[in-house]
């Protein structure tokens, strides 16, 4: 790589080899997405998981009538059963036929334990990573990445959308998965939708794996099952050209 490898990345990972980047860029060009296992150094991935697992600073994120809403993560535990039933009915009605979501978020600078996310943001905005992702994706003018953590618990979901946002400069979306063990049957799959409506491919949220995909592209996160044995923890965002 032209730039020195960032110390948070695995020394033998797929972003560390110019030859592998060249090979994988052909896959991205053909399919518009990549699954990259073992992307961070193992101790870094474990540290990030520990922070996301223990932080109390999550906020519940859902789509309201006029846009996104962020609420304290314990909101659903504090409202009455009747109000909760009404909220679920409204949410499910909207999700049934259109775009809707409900999950939890942790943004940079939220809480005294946000240092690990700050470090990851610095890594993803380093010249080495921007260069590697640019060469993988065929987007050579990437200039920045935004970073937030997400937690999907049972019942959480993100329905089909493309990530397109006018004038945002979004070029490549990413999901870095940080749950140590996850079964596909638990849901929470990152699924890509073909023109005929079938799922063309879906990724299980494997620990320390980075998923990259071209924007715009129809995709969704399937609902997490009520019997899931963990929360689906990840860091997500976009690489931007401006």
Protein backbone atom coordinates (compact mmCIF):
# COMPACT_ATOMS: atom_id res chain seq x y z
CA UNK A 1 0.00 0.00 0.00
CA UNK A 2 1.22 3.53 -0.67
CA UNK A 3 0.43 4.58 2.89
CA UNK A 4 1.58 2.86 6.10
CA UNK A 5 -0.95 0.38 7.48
CA UNK A 6 -2.98 1.83 10.36
CA UNK A 7 -2.11 0.03 13.65
CA UNK A 8 -5.76 -0.82 14.37
CA UNK A 9 -5.92 -2.99 11.24
CA UNK A 10 -4.89 -6.65 11.13
CA UNK A 11 -1.33 -6.88 9.84
CA UNK A 12 -2.30 -9.86 7.69
CA UNK A 13 -5.78 -8.57 6.80
CA UNK A 14 -7.21 -7.99 3.36
CA UNK A 15 -6.48 -4.25 3.48
CA UNK A 16 -2.78 -4.99 4.09
CA UNK A 17 -2.04 -6.55 0.71
CA UNK A 18 -1.92 -4.61 -2.55
CA UNK A 19 -2.29 -7.88 -4.46
CA UNK A 20 -5.44 -8.85 -2.58
CA UNK A 21 -6.89 -5.37 -3.01
CA UNK A 22 -6.37 -5.64 -6.76
CA UNK A 23 -8.03 -9.07 -6.83
CA UNK A 24 -10.98 -7.99 -4.69
CA UNK A 25 -11.54 -4.82 -6.68
CA UNK A 26 -12.62 -7.01 -9.61
CA UNK A 27 -15.21 -8.68 -7.37
CA UNK A 28 -16.52 -5.32 -6.19
CA UNK A 29 -16.71 -4.05 -9.76
CA UNK A 30 -18.80 -7.06 -10.77
CA UNK A 31 -21.02 -7.43 -7.70
CA UNK A 32 -20.99 -4.03 -6.01
CA UNK A 33 -20.13 -5.45 -2.60
CA UNK A 34 -17.49 -7.30 -0.58
CA UNK A 35 -17.27 -9.29 2.65
CA UNK A 36 -13.85 -8.85 4.30
CA UNK A 37 -13.23 -11.08 7.36
CA UNK A 38 -10.62 -10.40 10.05
CA UNK A 39 -10.25 -6.73 9.22
CA UNK A 40 -9.08 -5.37 12.59
CA UNK A 41 -6.35 -6.62 14.89
CA UNK A 42 -8.04 -9.11 17.23
CA UNK A 43 -7.30 -7.15 20.41
CA UNK A 44 -8.78 -4.03 18.80
CA UNK A 45 -11.95 -5.88 17.77
CA UNK A 46 -12.33 -7.33 21.28
CA UNK A 47 -11.85 -3.89 22.83
CA UNK A 48 -14.52 -2.36 20.59
CA UNK A 49 -16.92 -5.18 21.40
CA UNK A 50 -16.33 -4.66 25.12
CA UNK A 51 -17.13 -0.96 24.85
CA UNK A 52 -20.31 -1.51 22.82
CA UNK A 53 -21.43 -4.33 25.10
CA UNK A 54 -21.03 -2.31 28.31
CA UNK A 55 -21.86 1.30 27.42
CA UNK A 56 -25.13 2.71 28.82
CA UNK A 57 -25.26 5.52 26.25
CA UNK A 58 -27.33 3.87 23.52
CA UNK A 59 -30.25 5.79 22.06
CA UNK A 60 -33.34 4.26 20.49
CA UNK A 61 -33.63 5.35 16.85
CA UNK A 62 -36.83 5.04 14.85
CA UNK A 63 -38.53 6.71 11.93
CA UNK A 64 -41.28 9.16 12.85
CA UNK A 65 -43.76 10.98 10.64
CA UNK A 66 -41.33 13.81 9.89
CA UNK A 67 -37.99 11.99 10.10
CA UNK A 68 -35.70 10.13 12.42
CA UNK A 69 -36.23 10.24 16.19
CA UNK A 70 -33.64 9.48 18.89
CA UNK A 71 -34.85 8.52 22.36
CA UNK A 72 -33.19 7.13 25.49
CA UNK A 73 -32.64 3.41 24.92
CA UNK A 74 -34.79 2.44 27.91
CA UNK A 75 -37.83 4.26 26.50
CA UNK A 76 -39.65 1.03 25.64
CA UNK A 77 -39.13 -0.18 29.21
CA UNK A 78 -40.65 2.91 30.79
CA UNK A 79 -43.81 3.51 28.77
CA UNK A 80 -47.13 1.85 29.47
CA UNK A 81 -48.11 -1.44 27.87
CA UNK A 82 -50.89 0.27 25.92
CA UNK A 83 -48.61 2.94 24.51
CA UNK A 84 -46.04 0.30 23.62
CA UNK A 85 -48.65 -1.77 21.78
CA UNK A 86 -49.77 1.30 19.82
CA UNK A 87 -46.17 2.19 18.92
CA UNK A 88 -45.50 -1.33 17.69
CA UNK A 89 -48.68 -1.39 15.64
CA UNK A 90 -47.83 1.92 13.95
CA UNK A 91 -44.23 0.82 13.34
CA UNK A 92 -45.22 -2.53 11.88
CA UNK A 93 -47.89 -0.97 9.67
CA UNK A 94 -45.30 1.39 8.19
CA UNK A 95 -42.67 -1.33 7.83
CA UNK A 96 -45.11 -3.65 6.09
CA UNK A 97 -45.35 -1.53 2.94
CA UNK A 98 -42.58 1.08 3.09
CA UNK A 99 -39.35 2.26 4.65
CA UNK A 100 -39.08 2.03 8.41
CA UNK A 101 -36.55 1.16 11.08
CA UNK A 102 -36.08 0.71 14.80
CA UNK A 103 -32.72 0.00 16.42
CA UNK A 104 -30.25 1.71 18.77
CA UNK A 105 -27.35 4.03 18.00
CA UNK A 106 -24.22 5.33 19.69
CA UNK A 107 -22.59 8.34 18.06
CA UNK A 108 -19.10 9.79 18.36
CA UNK A 109 -18.54 11.76 21.54
CA UNK A 110 -21.53 10.29 23.39
CA UNK A 111 -20.40 9.14 26.83
CA UNK A 112 -17.07 8.89 28.56
CA UNK A 113 -16.40 5.56 26.85
CA UNK A 114 -16.51 6.89 23.28
CA UNK A 115 -12.72 6.88 22.89
CA UNK A 116 -12.71 3.51 21.12
CA UNK A 117 -15.13 4.83 18.50
CA UNK A 118 -13.05 7.99 18.14
CA UNK A 119 -9.99 5.81 17.48
CA UNK A 120 -11.87 3.77 14.88
CA UNK A 121 -13.06 6.96 13.18
CA UNK A 122 -9.45 8.12 12.97
CA UNK A 123 -8.51 4.75 11.47
CA UNK A 124 -11.26 4.81 8.83
CA UNK A 125 -10.36 8.41 7.96
CA UNK A 126 -6.65 7.64 7.65
CA UNK A 127 -4.98 7.99 4.27
CA UNK A 128 -4.24 4.25 4.23
CA UNK A 129 -7.86 3.17 4.66
CA UNK A 130 -9.32 5.82 2.34
CA UNK A 131 -6.81 4.77 -0.30
CA UNK A 132 -7.51 1.04 0.15
CA UNK A 133 -11.30 1.42 0.07
CA UNK A 134 -10.99 3.75 -2.91
CA UNK A 135 -8.99 1.17 -4.85
CA UNK A 136 -11.29 -1.67 -3.80
CA UNK A 137 -14.40 0.21 -4.88
CA UNK A 138 -13.10 2.09 -7.90
CA UNK A 139 -13.86 5.37 -6.11
CA UNK A 140 -10.44 7.06 -6.01
CA UNK A 141 -11.63 10.39 -4.58
CA UNK A 142 -12.83 9.28 -1.14
CA UNK A 143 -12.06 11.98 1.40
CA UNK A 144 -13.79 10.98 4.64
CA UNK A 145 -15.80 8.36 6.50
CA UNK A 146 -18.49 8.88 9.10
CA UNK A 147 -18.83 6.50 12.04
CA UNK A 148 -21.59 5.43 14.40
CA UNK A 149 -22.31 2.24 16.33
CA UNK A 150 -25.61 0.37 16.12
CA UNK A 151 -27.27 -2.24 18.31
CA UNK A 152 -30.10 -4.40 17.00
CA UNK A 153 -31.97 -6.25 19.73
CA UNK A 154 -34.88 -8.69 19.28
CA UNK A 155 -37.60 -7.04 17.20
CA UNK A 156 -35.30 -4.43 15.69
CA UNK A 157 -35.06 -4.11 11.90
CA UNK A 158 -34.21 -1.83 8.97
CA UNK A 159 -36.42 -2.26 5.91
CA UNK A 160 -35.36 -2.02 2.28
CA UNK A 161 -33.66 1.18 1.12
CA UNK A 162 -30.73 2.23 -1.09
CA UNK A 163 -28.72 4.67 1.12
CA UNK A 164 -29.07 7.29 -1.62
CA UNK A 165 -29.12 10.84 -0.25
CA UNK A 166 -28.84 13.80 -2.65
CA UNK A 167 -25.66 15.87 -2.33
CA UNK A 168 -24.33 13.67 0.51
CA UNK A 169 -21.28 12.41 -1.36
CA UNK A 170 -21.98 8.85 -0.20
CA UNK A 171 -20.09 6.41 -2.41
CA UNK A 172 -19.42 3.26 -0.37
CA UNK A 173 -21.39 2.02 2.65
CA UNK A 174 -19.78 -0.16 5.29
CA UNK A 175 -20.78 -2.36 8.22
CA UNK A 176 -18.17 -3.60 10.69
CA UNK A 177 -19.67 -6.43 12.78
CA UNK A 178 -18.62 -6.78 16.41
CA UNK A 179 -20.77 -9.53 17.98
CA UNK A 180 -18.48 -12.50 18.80
CA UNK A 181 -21.01 -15.22 17.93
CA UNK A 182 -24.08 -15.03 15.73
CA UNK A 183 -26.26 -17.62 14.04
CA UNK A 184 -27.94 -16.81 10.73
CA UNK A 185 -31.24 -18.06 12.16
CA UNK A 186 -31.17 -15.19 14.66
CA UNK A 187 -31.86 -12.69 11.85
CA UNK A 188 -30.00 -9.40 11.63
CA UNK A 189 -28.72 -10.33 8.18
CA UNK A 190 -27.47 -7.67 5.78
CA UNK A 191 -29.45 -8.67 2.68
CA UNK A 192 -29.21 -7.34 -0.87
CA UNK A 193 -32.29 -7.25 -3.11
CA UNK A 194 -32.14 -8.20 -6.79
CA UNK A 195 -34.26 -6.45 -9.46
CA UNK A 196 -36.74 -9.35 -9.39
CA UNK A 197 -37.31 -8.89 -5.65
CA UNK A 198 -35.37 -11.96 -4.56
CA UNK A 199 -32.52 -11.72 -2.06
CA UNK A 200 -29.40 -12.04 -4.20
CA UNK A 201 -27.00 -12.36 -1.26
CA UNK A 202 -27.04 -11.96 2.52
CA UNK A 203 -24.24 -11.62 5.06
CA UNK A 204 -24.36 -13.00 8.59
CA UNK A 205 -22.92 -10.43 11.03
CA UNK A 206 -19.65 -12.31 11.55
CA UNK A 207 -17.29 -10.95 14.20
CA UNK A 208 -14.60 -8.56 12.96
CA UNK A 209 -15.82 -8.72 9.36
CA UNK A 210 -16.20 -5.58 7.26
CA UNK A 211 -18.92 -5.45 4.61
CA UNK A 212 -18.53 -2.84 1.87
CA UNK A 213 -21.10 -2.05 -0.80
CA UNK A 214 -21.69 0.50 -3.52
CA UNK A 215 -24.25 3.28 -3.00
CA UNK A 216 -27.01 3.27 -4.15
CA UNK A 217 -27.99 -0.39 -3.77
CA UNK A 218 -31.24 -1.92 -2.44
CA UNK A 219 -30.64 -3.70 0.87
CA UNK A 220 -32.12 -4.25 4.32
CA UNK A 221 -31.30 -5.67 7.75
CA UNK A 222 -33.67 -8.50 8.59
CA UNK A 223 -35.52 -8.40 11.90
CA UNK A 224 -33.67 -9.87 14.86
CA UNK A 225 -35.52 -12.92 16.17
CA UNK A 226 -37.03 -12.98 19.67
CA UNK A 227 -34.82 -15.97 20.51
CA UNK A 228 -31.54 -14.34 19.41
CA UNK A 229 -28.79 -15.08 21.90
CA UNK A 230 -27.07 -11.69 21.69
CA UNK A 231 -27.44 -8.14 20.46
CA UNK A 232 -26.25 -7.43 16.92
CA UNK A 233 -23.44 -4.92 17.48
CA UNK A 234 -21.77 -3.09 14.62
CA UNK A 235 -20.14 0.11 13.48
CA UNK A 236 -21.61 1.57 10.30
CA UNK A 237 -21.36 4.56 8.01
CA UNK A 238 -20.31 5.70 4.56
CA UNK A 239 -17.14 6.66 2.75
CA UNK A 240 -17.75 10.02 1.06
CA UNK A 241 -16.27 11.73 -1.97
CA UNK A 242 -16.94 15.22 -0.54
